[in-house]
């Protein structure tokens, strides 16, 4: 049998079993490093869906073929936002059917690692930077080739929302009532990262203050309504701290009017991967009324 550099992965279960085994991926990463003349020793970066190693100031990201759209989405999106603090594409290729990117390393540590320790002032500063950075991202020209069937996507999210959140009453009735009257605000569609969680926002400390160093992971990038981008930041950074929610919205350039608050609350139920449980893990909300108060006060 011909020797291969990458393991044979035909199912999600196989991938999960191998994902954390560095030795399974090192031969491929070392081959890619030699192919592109990358200096440094490979160091595993454990967060994320795909296999990522750093080599000095470069990153090698191997995209598992089980998610065939992540590689083109990331490549297209990163090429369209080069002016932002994001990884810069240095090389790309394919190895044994696995596409990969070689990108520059973005300074910082994942926000999830330090957010619980940040002062109120640092959190407010980071959230304001996030809102401004989201707006800069959304002001970029729309790149061709990203998923853009937004009306179909939203219809599917609404239809499956109760099952997706798997929440007991009174949450199921609240989800059903809220989404039955849901109407998207008439705003132009934009380029979305779609997943600005604590894993994908990197923070740096300068002169004793924390701020955003950059954002990573555009594998879920798509074209869609700008309010969708708010879901992950609301869940992971501002839920339970209404002042931060308002700061995020204002920094983006929106007035937190009743209509905007109502629409953003509904969007919290529509994320492809996020659930109400993600909000509850940050701050307890026993009823829908408490949920809305945890967002807006």
Protein backbone atom coordinates (compact mmCIF):
# COMPACT_ATOMS: atom_id res chain seq x y z
CA UNK A 1 0.00 0.00 0.00
CA UNK A 2 1.31 3.43 -0.94
CA UNK A 3 2.44 5.44 2.06
CA UNK A 4 0.48 8.64 2.62
CA UNK A 5 1.15 11.77 4.61
CA UNK A 6 -2.43 12.32 5.75
CA UNK A 7 -4.76 9.90 7.51
CA UNK A 8 -7.73 8.49 5.64
CA UNK A 9 -10.81 10.25 7.02
CA UNK A 10 -14.21 9.22 5.74
CA UNK A 11 -16.48 10.21 8.61
CA UNK A 12 -16.89 12.83 11.30
CA UNK A 13 -16.26 10.17 13.93
CA UNK A 14 -12.90 9.28 12.38
CA UNK A 15 -11.93 12.93 12.19
CA UNK A 16 -12.88 13.62 15.80
CA UNK A 17 -10.83 10.62 16.95
CA UNK A 18 -7.74 11.89 15.10
CA UNK A 19 -8.16 15.64 15.42
CA UNK A 20 -6.18 16.07 18.65
CA UNK A 21 -3.46 13.55 17.70
CA UNK A 22 -0.64 15.82 16.56
CA UNK A 23 1.40 12.92 15.20
CA UNK A 24 -1.35 12.18 12.67
CA UNK A 25 -0.85 15.57 11.02
CA UNK A 26 2.83 16.39 11.50
CA UNK A 27 4.08 14.52 8.39
CA UNK A 28 1.74 16.53 6.17
CA UNK A 29 2.56 19.83 7.86
CA UNK A 30 6.30 19.20 7.60
CA UNK A 31 5.87 18.34 3.91
CA UNK A 32 3.97 21.59 3.30
CA UNK A 33 6.61 23.52 5.21
CA UNK A 34 9.35 22.03 3.04
CA UNK A 35 7.33 22.64 -0.13
CA UNK A 36 7.04 26.35 0.65
CA UNK A 37 10.32 26.88 2.48
CA UNK A 38 8.71 27.73 5.82
CA UNK A 39 11.15 28.10 8.72
CA UNK A 40 10.47 27.12 12.30
CA UNK A 41 9.18 24.08 14.15
CA UNK A 42 5.48 23.22 13.82
CA UNK A 43 3.41 23.95 16.93
CA UNK A 44 -0.19 22.80 17.14
CA UNK A 45 -2.90 25.44 17.54
CA UNK A 46 -5.75 23.52 19.19
CA UNK A 47 -8.80 25.74 18.62
CA UNK A 48 -11.07 25.45 15.59
CA UNK A 49 -12.60 22.87 13.27
CA UNK A 50 -9.63 22.37 10.96
CA UNK A 51 -6.04 21.32 11.66
CA UNK A 52 -3.81 24.34 12.31
CA UNK A 53 -0.07 24.52 13.06
CA UNK A 54 2.10 27.58 13.52
CA UNK A 55 5.65 27.76 12.22
CA UNK A 56 7.23 30.95 13.51
CA UNK A 57 5.26 33.82 12.01
CA UNK A 58 3.31 31.65 9.57
CA UNK A 59 0.28 29.42 9.95
CA UNK A 60 -0.54 26.24 8.03
CA UNK A 61 -4.23 25.41 7.96
CA UNK A 62 -5.33 22.03 6.62
CA UNK A 63 -8.99 21.90 5.58
CA UNK A 64 -10.74 18.60 6.17
CA UNK A 65 -12.62 17.53 3.01
CA UNK A 66 -15.68 16.73 5.15
CA UNK A 67 -16.42 20.48 4.93
CA UNK A 68 -15.71 21.20 1.25
CA UNK A 69 -16.95 24.80 1.29
CA UNK A 70 -14.75 26.06 4.16
CA UNK A 71 -11.56 26.31 2.09
CA UNK A 72 -12.99 28.37 -0.79
CA UNK A 73 -14.96 30.54 1.65
CA UNK A 74 -11.88 31.35 3.71
CA UNK A 75 -9.67 31.93 0.67
CA UNK A 76 -12.19 34.22 -1.05
CA UNK A 77 -13.01 36.16 2.12
CA UNK A 78 -9.40 36.70 3.18
CA UNK A 79 -8.50 37.93 -0.30
CA UNK A 80 -11.31 40.47 -0.04
CA UNK A 81 -10.38 41.90 3.35
CA UNK A 82 -6.60 42.22 3.11
CA UNK A 83 -6.74 45.77 4.51
CA UNK A 84 -8.17 44.55 7.82
CA UNK A 85 -6.21 42.93 10.69
CA UNK A 86 -6.66 39.40 9.33
CA UNK A 87 -4.28 36.65 8.17
CA UNK A 88 -2.64 37.41 4.84
CA UNK A 89 -2.53 34.54 2.33
CA UNK A 90 1.08 33.59 1.57
CA UNK A 91 0.54 30.32 -0.31
CA UNK A 92 -2.09 27.70 -0.99
CA UNK A 93 -2.22 24.20 -2.37
CA UNK A 94 -3.57 20.70 -2.02
CA UNK A 95 -2.05 17.57 -0.49
CA UNK A 96 -3.66 14.18 -1.00
CA UNK A 97 -7.01 15.83 -1.60
CA UNK A 98 -6.79 18.14 1.42
CA UNK A 99 -6.63 21.84 0.50
CA UNK A 100 -4.51 24.08 2.67
CA UNK A 101 -3.59 27.70 3.20
CA UNK A 102 -0.33 29.19 4.41
CA UNK A 103 -1.12 32.53 6.03
CA UNK A 104 0.60 35.13 8.17
CA UNK A 105 0.22 34.89 11.91
CA UNK A 106 -2.02 37.49 13.54
CA UNK A 107 -0.76 38.85 16.84
CA UNK A 108 -2.72 38.15 19.99
CA UNK A 109 -4.31 35.49 22.14
CA UNK A 110 -7.85 34.18 21.72
CA UNK A 111 -10.28 36.41 23.60
CA UNK A 112 -11.72 33.35 25.32
CA UNK A 113 -8.41 32.91 27.17
CA UNK A 114 -8.39 36.33 28.83
CA UNK A 115 -11.93 37.76 28.66
CA UNK A 116 -12.96 36.62 32.18
CA UNK A 117 -9.99 38.49 33.65
CA UNK A 118 -10.48 41.80 31.81
CA UNK A 119 -11.58 44.90 33.65
CA UNK A 120 -14.83 46.63 32.79
CA UNK A 121 -12.91 49.38 31.03
CA UNK A 122 -10.95 46.93 28.88
CA UNK A 123 -14.11 45.03 27.97
CA UNK A 124 -15.85 48.23 26.92
CA UNK A 125 -12.85 49.25 24.82
CA UNK A 126 -12.64 45.84 23.11
CA UNK A 127 -16.37 45.78 22.39
CA UNK A 128 -16.26 49.23 20.86
CA UNK A 129 -13.33 48.17 18.69
CA UNK A 130 -15.29 45.10 17.68
CA UNK A 131 -18.27 47.13 16.55
CA UNK A 132 -16.04 49.44 14.51
CA UNK A 133 -14.17 46.47 13.01
CA UNK A 134 -17.44 44.75 12.08
CA UNK A 135 -18.48 47.91 10.27
CA UNK A 136 -15.17 48.08 8.38
CA UNK A 137 -15.65 44.44 7.36
CA UNK A 138 -19.20 45.10 6.18
CA UNK A 139 -18.12 48.15 4.18
CA UNK A 140 -15.82 46.02 2.01
CA UNK A 141 -16.94 45.28 -1.56
CA UNK A 142 -18.79 41.99 -1.92
CA UNK A 143 -16.47 39.26 -3.26
CA UNK A 144 -17.78 36.80 -5.81
CA UNK A 145 -18.06 33.13 -4.98
CA UNK A 146 -19.30 33.13 -1.38
CA UNK A 147 -22.61 31.55 -0.31
CA UNK A 148 -25.32 34.13 -0.87
CA UNK A 149 -28.69 32.37 -0.94
CA UNK A 150 -29.73 34.40 2.06
CA UNK A 151 -33.52 34.18 1.85
CA UNK A 152 -33.34 30.39 1.64
CA UNK A 153 -30.84 30.24 4.49
CA UNK A 154 -32.99 32.41 6.78
CA UNK A 155 -36.16 30.48 5.93
CA UNK A 156 -34.39 27.24 6.88
CA UNK A 157 -33.11 28.76 10.13
CA UNK A 158 -36.62 29.94 11.08
CA UNK A 159 -38.22 26.61 10.21
CA UNK A 160 -35.74 24.65 12.30
CA UNK A 161 -35.26 27.08 15.18
CA UNK A 162 -37.31 25.25 17.82
CA UNK A 163 -35.55 21.96 17.20
CA UNK A 164 -32.15 23.62 16.88
CA UNK A 165 -32.30 25.28 20.30
CA UNK A 166 -33.91 22.23 21.93
CA UNK A 167 -35.20 24.37 24.81
CA UNK A 168 -38.17 23.63 27.07
CA UNK A 169 -41.20 25.83 27.57
CA UNK A 170 -41.67 28.73 27.80
CA UNK A 171 -38.74 29.11 25.41
CA UNK A 172 -40.24 27.08 22.56
CA UNK A 173 -43.39 29.17 22.48
CA UNK A 174 -41.32 32.37 22.68
CA UNK A 175 -39.16 31.27 19.75
CA UNK A 176 -42.23 30.35 17.72
CA UNK A 177 -44.07 33.62 18.41
CA UNK A 178 -41.04 35.83 17.87
CA UNK A 179 -39.99 34.26 14.59
CA UNK A 180 -43.55 34.11 13.27
CA UNK A 181 -43.54 37.91 13.12
CA UNK A 182 -39.89 38.27 12.15
CA UNK A 183 -39.15 40.68 9.30
CA UNK A 184 -35.57 41.51 8.35
CA UNK A 185 -34.73 45.21 8.42
CA UNK A 186 -34.19 46.45 4.84
CA UNK A 187 -30.40 46.79 4.83
CA UNK A 188 -27.91 45.92 2.05
CA UNK A 189 -26.29 42.53 2.33
CA UNK A 190 -22.61 42.44 3.32
CA UNK A 191 -19.63 40.14 3.65
CA UNK A 192 -20.03 38.26 6.94
CA UNK A 193 -17.42 36.48 8.99
CA UNK A 194 -20.35 34.84 10.75
CA UNK A 195 -18.47 33.47 13.74
CA UNK A 196 -16.80 36.19 15.82
CA UNK A 197 -16.65 34.07 18.96
CA UNK A 198 -14.01 34.05 21.68
CA UNK A 199 -11.90 31.69 19.55
CA UNK A 200 -11.73 33.94 16.51
CA UNK A 201 -11.06 37.38 17.99
CA UNK A 202 -7.44 37.83 19.07
CA UNK A 203 -6.52 40.34 21.77
CA UNK A 204 -3.21 42.05 22.47
CA UNK A 205 -2.11 44.06 25.48
CA UNK A 206 -0.43 47.39 24.84
CA UNK A 207 0.61 49.79 27.59
CA UNK A 208 -1.41 47.74 30.04
CA UNK A 209 -4.67 47.91 28.05
CA UNK A 210 -6.27 45.13 26.03
CA UNK A 211 -7.43 45.66 22.47
CA UNK A 212 -8.20 43.69 19.32
CA UNK A 213 -5.14 42.46 17.46
CA UNK A 214 -7.12 40.84 14.67
CA UNK A 215 -9.77 38.34 13.66
CA UNK A 216 -9.23 34.88 12.21
CA UNK A 217 -11.17 32.02 10.65
CA UNK A 218 -13.37 32.94 7.71
CA UNK A 219 -14.42 29.37 6.94
CA UNK A 220 -18.06 30.29 7.60
CA UNK A 221 -17.94 33.51 5.58
CA UNK A 222 -20.98 34.27 3.45
CA UNK A 223 -23.00 37.14 2.02
CA UNK A 224 -25.99 38.13 4.11
CA UNK A 225 -27.75 40.57 6.39
CA UNK A 226 -25.38 42.58 8.63
CA UNK A 227 -27.38 41.87 11.79
CA UNK A 228 -26.38 38.19 11.58
CA UNK A 229 -22.81 39.23 12.48
CA UNK A 230 -23.96 40.49 15.87
CA UNK A 231 -25.14 37.11 17.16
CA UNK A 232 -21.77 35.68 18.23
CA UNK A 233 -20.52 38.92 19.87
CA UNK A 234 -23.81 39.30 21.72
CA UNK A 235 -23.58 35.73 23.00
CA UNK A 236 -19.91 35.64 23.93
CA UNK A 237 -19.04 39.20 24.94
CA UNK A 238 -22.04 41.28 25.96
CA UNK A 239 -24.86 39.01 27.20
CA UNK A 240 -25.67 39.95 30.76
CA UNK A 241 -23.97 43.33 30.35
CA UNK A 242 -26.45 45.60 28.55
CA UNK A 243 -24.07 48.55 28.57
CA UNK A 244 -21.65 46.50 26.47
CA UNK A 245 -24.44 45.54 24.06
CA UNK A 246 -25.32 49.18 23.55
CA UNK A 247 -21.64 50.07 23.13
CA UNK A 248 -21.23 47.39 20.46
CA UNK A 249 -24.28 48.57 18.54
CA UNK A 250 -23.30 52.23 18.78
CA UNK A 251 -19.70 51.56 17.69
CA UNK A 252 -21.05 49.80 14.61
CA UNK A 253 -22.96 52.98 13.80
CA UNK A 254 -26.49 51.98 14.77
CA UNK A 255 -28.94 53.68 17.10
CA UNK A 256 -30.23 51.03 19.56
CA UNK A 257 -33.85 51.93 18.84
CA UNK A 258 -36.70 49.61 19.85
CA UNK A 259 -36.85 48.29 16.27
CA UNK A 260 -33.13 47.55 16.19
CA UNK A 261 -33.22 45.90 19.63
CA UNK A 262 -36.20 43.76 18.63
CA UNK A 263 -34.58 42.65 15.36
CA UNK A 264 -31.25 41.81 16.98
CA UNK A 265 -33.02 39.81 19.69
CA UNK A 266 -34.70 37.74 16.98
CA UNK A 267 -31.41 37.22 15.17
CA UNK A 268 -30.05 35.63 18.36
CA UNK A 269 -32.29 32.68 17.50
CA UNK A 270 -31.08 32.25 13.92
CA UNK A 271 -27.38 31.40 14.02
CA UNK A 272 -26.42 28.28 12.12
CA UNK A 273 -24.33 26.91 14.99
CA UNK A 274 -25.12 29.01 18.05
CA UNK A 275 -27.82 28.09 20.53
CA UNK A 276 -29.59 29.70 23.46
CA UNK A 277 -27.36 27.53 25.63
CA UNK A 278 -24.37 29.61 24.46
CA UNK A 279 -26.02 32.70 25.93
CA UNK A 280 -27.01 30.91 29.12
CA UNK A 281 -23.44 29.71 29.63
CA UNK A 282 -22.38 33.36 29.95
CA UNK A 283 -25.26 34.62 32.09
CA UNK A 284 -28.32 32.98 33.65
CA UNK A 285 -31.68 33.80 32.09
CA UNK A 286 -34.59 31.69 33.31
CA UNK A 287 -37.29 33.31 31.18
CA UNK A 288 -37.51 35.06 27.81
CA UNK A 289 -38.09 38.36 29.63
CA UNK A 290 -34.84 37.86 31.55
CA UNK A 291 -33.10 37.01 28.28
CA UNK A 292 -34.17 40.31 26.70
CA UNK A 293 -33.22 42.21 29.85
CA UNK A 294 -29.77 40.57 29.82
CA UNK A 295 -29.28 41.98 26.32
CA UNK A 296 -30.75 45.43 26.67
CA UNK A 297 -31.41 46.19 30.32
